[in-house]
Amino acid sequence: MAPRISLALFLSLNLLFSLTLLLKALVLKIPCRSVYALMFSM
């Protein structure tokens, strides 16, 4: 059980890290105003 749990945790952390990198890239490419507009429209 332990190896499966650690593998799932590693995969989820890897996914979270890639998502944060993607978000950072989007924030760097897109101006802040449009990002805030997207956040407030949701």
PDB file of N, CA and C in Angstrom:
ATOM      1  N   MET A   1       0.821  -1.210   0.000  1.00  0.00           N
ATOM      2  CA  MET A   1       0.000   0.000   0.000  1.00  0.00           C
ATOM      3  C   MET A   1       0.858   1.265   0.000  1.00  0.00           C
ATOM      4  N   ALA A   2       1.929   1.245   0.778  1.00  0.00           N
ATOM      5  CA  ALA A   2       2.736   2.456   0.922  1.00  0.00           C
ATOM      6  C   ALA A   2       3.343   2.930  -0.401  1.00  0.00           C
ATOM      7  N   PRO A   3       3.944   2.042  -1.214  1.00  0.00           N
ATOM      8  CA  PRO A   3       4.511   2.512  -2.490  1.00  0.00           C
ATOM      9  C   PRO A   3       3.449   3.116  -3.403  1.00  0.00           C
ATOM     10  N   ARG A   4       2.258   2.533  -3.415  1.00  0.00           N
ATOM     11  CA  ARG A   4       1.199   3.086  -4.273  1.00  0.00           C
ATOM     12  C   ARG A   4       0.793   4.478  -3.799  1.00  0.00           C
ATOM     13  N   ILE A   5       0.685   4.654  -2.498  1.00  0.00           N
ATOM     14  CA  ILE A   5       0.289   5.955  -1.950  1.00  0.00           C
ATOM     15  C   ILE A   5       1.360   7.006  -2.268  1.00  0.00           C
ATOM     16  N   SER A   6       2.618   6.641  -2.089  1.00  0.00           N
ATOM     17  CA  SER A   6       3.700   7.595  -2.362  1.00  0.00           C
ATOM     18  C   SER A   6       3.763   7.921  -3.854  1.00  0.00           C
ATOM     19  N   LEU A   7       3.503   6.924  -4.708  1.00  0.00           N
ATOM     20  CA  LEU A   7       3.511   7.168  -6.154  1.00  0.00           C
ATOM     21  C   LEU A   7       2.376   8.106  -6.545  1.00  0.00           C
ATOM     22  N   ALA A   8       1.195   7.879  -5.969  1.00  0.00           N
ATOM     23  CA  ALA A   8       0.057   8.751  -6.264  1.00  0.00           C
ATOM     24  C   ALA A   8       0.333  10.168  -5.776  1.00  0.00           C
ATOM     25  N   LEU A   9       0.939  10.283  -4.595  1.00  0.00           N
ATOM     26  CA  LEU A   9       1.280  11.603  -4.052  1.00  0.00           C
ATOM     27  C   LEU A   9       2.296  12.301  -4.948  1.00  0.00           C
ATOM     28  N   PHE A  10       3.292  11.553  -5.413  1.00  0.00           N
ATOM     29  CA  PHE A  10       4.304  12.124  -6.296  1.00  0.00           C
ATOM     30  C   PHE A  10       3.682  12.595  -7.607  1.00  0.00           C
ATOM     31  N   LEU A  11       2.780  11.787  -8.163  1.00  0.00           N
ATOM     32  CA  LEU A  11       2.134  12.161  -9.424  1.00  0.00           C
ATOM     33  C   LEU A  11       1.262  13.398  -9.247  1.00  0.00           C
ATOM     34  N   SER A  12       0.532  13.466  -8.142  1.00  0.00           N
ATOM     35  CA  SER A  12      -0.336  14.620  -7.911  1.00  0.00           C
ATOM     36  C   SER A  12       0.502  15.885  -7.691  1.00  0.00           C
ATOM     37  N   LEU A  13       1.618  15.757  -6.967  1.00  0.00           N
ATOM     38  CA  LEU A  13       2.494  16.913  -6.756  1.00  0.00           C
ATOM     39  C   LEU A  13       3.118  17.360  -8.070  1.00  0.00           C
ATOM     40  N   ASN A  14       3.489  16.382  -8.923  1.00  0.00           N
ATOM     41  CA  ASN A  14       4.064  16.706 -10.217  1.00  0.00           C
ATOM     42  C   ASN A  14       3.051  17.454 -11.077  1.00  0.00           C
ATOM     43  N   LEU A  15       1.794  16.990 -11.038  1.00  0.00           N
ATOM     44  CA  LEU A  15       0.740  17.644 -11.803  1.00  0.00           C
ATOM     45  C   LEU A  15       0.509  19.059 -11.288  1.00  0.00           C
ATOM     46  N   LEU A  16       0.489  19.215  -9.970  1.00  0.00           N
ATOM     47  CA  LEU A  16       0.289  20.530  -9.366  1.00  0.00           C
ATOM     48  C   LEU A  16       1.427  21.473  -9.752  1.00  0.00           C
ATOM     49  N   PHE A  17       2.661  20.964  -9.740  1.00  0.00           N
ATOM     50  CA  PHE A  17       3.814  21.780 -10.092  1.00  0.00           C
ATOM     51  C   PHE A  17       3.742  22.228 -11.548  1.00  0.00           C
ATOM     52  N   SER A  18       3.352  21.306 -12.449  1.00  0.00           N
ATOM     53  CA  SER A  18       3.251  21.669 -13.863  1.00  0.00           C
ATOM     54  C   SER A  18       2.122  22.674 -14.080  1.00  0.00           C
ATOM     55  N   LEU A  19       1.043  22.533 -13.306  1.00  0.00           N
ATOM     56  CA  LEU A  19      -0.066  23.485 -13.428  1.00  0.00           C
ATOM     57  C   LEU A  19       0.365  24.870 -12.963  1.00  0.00           C
ATOM     58  N   THR A  20       1.131  24.949 -11.880  1.00  0.00           N
ATOM     59  CA  THR A  20       1.591  26.250 -11.409  1.00  0.00           C
ATOM     60  C   THR A  20       2.564  26.877 -12.407  1.00  0.00           C
ATOM     61  N   LEU A  21       3.402  26.047 -13.042  1.00  0.00           N
ATOM     62  CA  LEU A  21       4.306  26.566 -14.065  1.00  0.00           C
ATOM     63  C   LEU A  21       3.523  27.105 -15.248  1.00  0.00           C
ATOM     64  N   LEU A  22       2.461  26.372 -15.631  1.00  0.00           N
ATOM     65  CA  LEU A  22       1.625  26.817 -16.741  1.00  0.00           C
ATOM     66  C   LEU A  22       0.946  28.144 -16.400  1.00  0.00           C
ATOM     67  N   LEU A  23       0.472  28.246 -15.161  1.00  0.00           N
ATOM     68  CA  LEU A  23      -0.172  29.486 -14.725  1.00  0.00           C
ATOM     69  C   LEU A  23       0.817  30.650 -14.730  1.00  0.00           C
ATOM     70  N   LYS A  24       2.037  30.384 -14.280  1.00  0.00           N
ATOM     71  CA  LYS A  24       3.063  31.441 -14.282  1.00  0.00           C
ATOM     72  C   LYS A  24       3.379  31.890 -15.700  1.00  0.00           C
ATOM     73  N   ALA A  25       3.469  30.944 -16.620  1.00  0.00           N
ATOM     74  CA  ALA A  25       3.743  31.280 -18.013  1.00  0.00           C
ATOM     75  C   ALA A  25       2.602  32.110 -18.597  1.00  0.00           C
ATOM     76  N   LEU A  26       1.365  31.731 -18.260  1.00  0.00           N
ATOM     77  CA  LEU A  26       0.209  32.490 -18.751  1.00  0.00           C
ATOM     78  C   LEU A  26       0.213  33.897 -18.178  1.00  0.00           C
ATOM     79  N   VAL A  27       0.528  34.016 -16.894  1.00  0.00           N
ATOM     80  CA  VAL A  27       0.551  35.334 -16.259  1.00  0.00           C
ATOM     81  C   VAL A  27       1.647  36.206 -16.877  1.00  0.00           C
ATOM     82  N   LEU A  28       2.779  35.591 -17.196  1.00  0.00           N
ATOM     83  CA  LEU A  28       3.870  36.356 -17.791  1.00  0.00           C
ATOM     84  C   LEU A  28       3.537  36.787 -19.220  1.00  0.00           C
ATOM     85  N   LYS A  29       2.816  35.934 -19.950  1.00  0.00           N
ATOM     86  CA  LYS A  29       2.490  36.279 -21.335  1.00  0.00           C
ATOM     87  C   LYS A  29       1.322  37.249 -21.426  1.00  0.00           C
ATOM     88  N   ILE A  30       0.308  37.013 -20.593  1.00  0.00           N
ATOM     89  CA  ILE A  30      -0.897  37.838 -20.658  1.00  0.00           C
ATOM     90  C   ILE A  30      -0.749  39.028 -19.710  1.00  0.00           C
ATOM     91  N   PRO A  31      -1.157  40.225 -20.127  1.00  0.00           N
ATOM     92  CA  PRO A  31      -1.126  41.382 -19.229  1.00  0.00           C
ATOM     93  C   PRO A  31      -1.984  41.158 -17.995  1.00  0.00           C
ATOM     94  N   CYS A  32      -1.632  41.852 -16.914  1.00  0.00           N
ATOM     95  CA  CYS A  32      -2.299  41.627 -15.629  1.00  0.00           C
ATOM     96  C   CYS A  32      -3.773  41.999 -15.684  1.00  0.00           C
ATOM     97  N   ARG A  33      -4.113  43.000 -16.464  1.00  0.00           N
ATOM     98  CA  ARG A  33      -5.503  43.465 -16.490  1.00  0.00           C
ATOM     99  C   ARG A  33      -6.423  42.379 -17.005  1.00  0.00           C
ATOM    100  N   SER A  34      -6.039  41.689 -18.072  1.00  0.00           N
ATOM    101  CA  SER A  34      -6.891  40.636 -18.621  1.00  0.00           C
ATOM    102  C   SER A  34      -6.975  39.452 -17.657  1.00  0.00           C
ATOM    103  N   VAL A  35      -5.882  39.196 -16.913  1.00  0.00           N
ATOM    104  CA  VAL A  35      -5.901  38.122 -15.923  1.00  0.00           C
ATOM    105  C   VAL A  35      -6.899  38.452 -14.820  1.00  0.00           C
ATOM    106  N   TYR A  36      -6.872  39.686 -14.343  1.00  0.00           N
ATOM    107  CA  TYR A  36      -7.823  40.092 -13.307  1.00  0.00           C
ATOM    108  C   TYR A  36      -9.251  40.051 -13.850  1.00  0.00           C
ATOM    109  N   ALA A  37      -9.422  40.445 -15.112  1.00  0.00           N
ATOM    110  CA  ALA A  37     -10.754  40.403 -15.718  1.00  0.00           C
ATOM    111  C   ALA A  37     -11.257  38.962 -15.782  1.00  0.00           C
ATOM    112  N   LEU A  38     -10.365  38.022 -16.140  1.00  0.00           N
ATOM    113  CA  LEU A  38     -10.748  36.612 -16.175  1.00  0.00           C
ATOM    114  C   LEU A  38     -11.112  36.121 -14.784  1.00  0.00           C
ATOM    115  N   MET A  39     -10.330  36.513 -13.790  1.00  0.00           N
ATOM    116  CA  MET A  39     -10.582  36.054 -12.428  1.00  0.00           C
ATOM    117  C   MET A  39     -11.918  36.587 -11.911  1.00  0.00           C
ATOM    118  N   PHE A  40     -12.214  37.852 -12.220  1.00  0.00           N
ATOM    119  CA  PHE A  40     -13.455  38.432 -11.705  1.00  0.00           C
ATOM    120  C   PHE A  40     -14.663  37.955 -12.497  1.00  0.00           C
ATOM    121  N   SER A  41     -14.464  37.552 -13.756  1.00  0.00           N
ATOM    122  CA  SER A  41     -15.600  37.074 -14.553  1.00  0.00           C
ATOM    123  C   SER A  41     -16.023  35.674 -14.128  1.00  0.00           C
ATOM    124  N   MET A  42     -15.098  34.905 -13.535  1.00  0.00           N
ATOM    125  CA  MET A  42     -15.433  33.543 -13.127  1.00  0.00           C
ATOM    126  C   MET A  42     -16.316  33.545 -11.881  1.00  0.00           C
TER     127      MET A  42
END
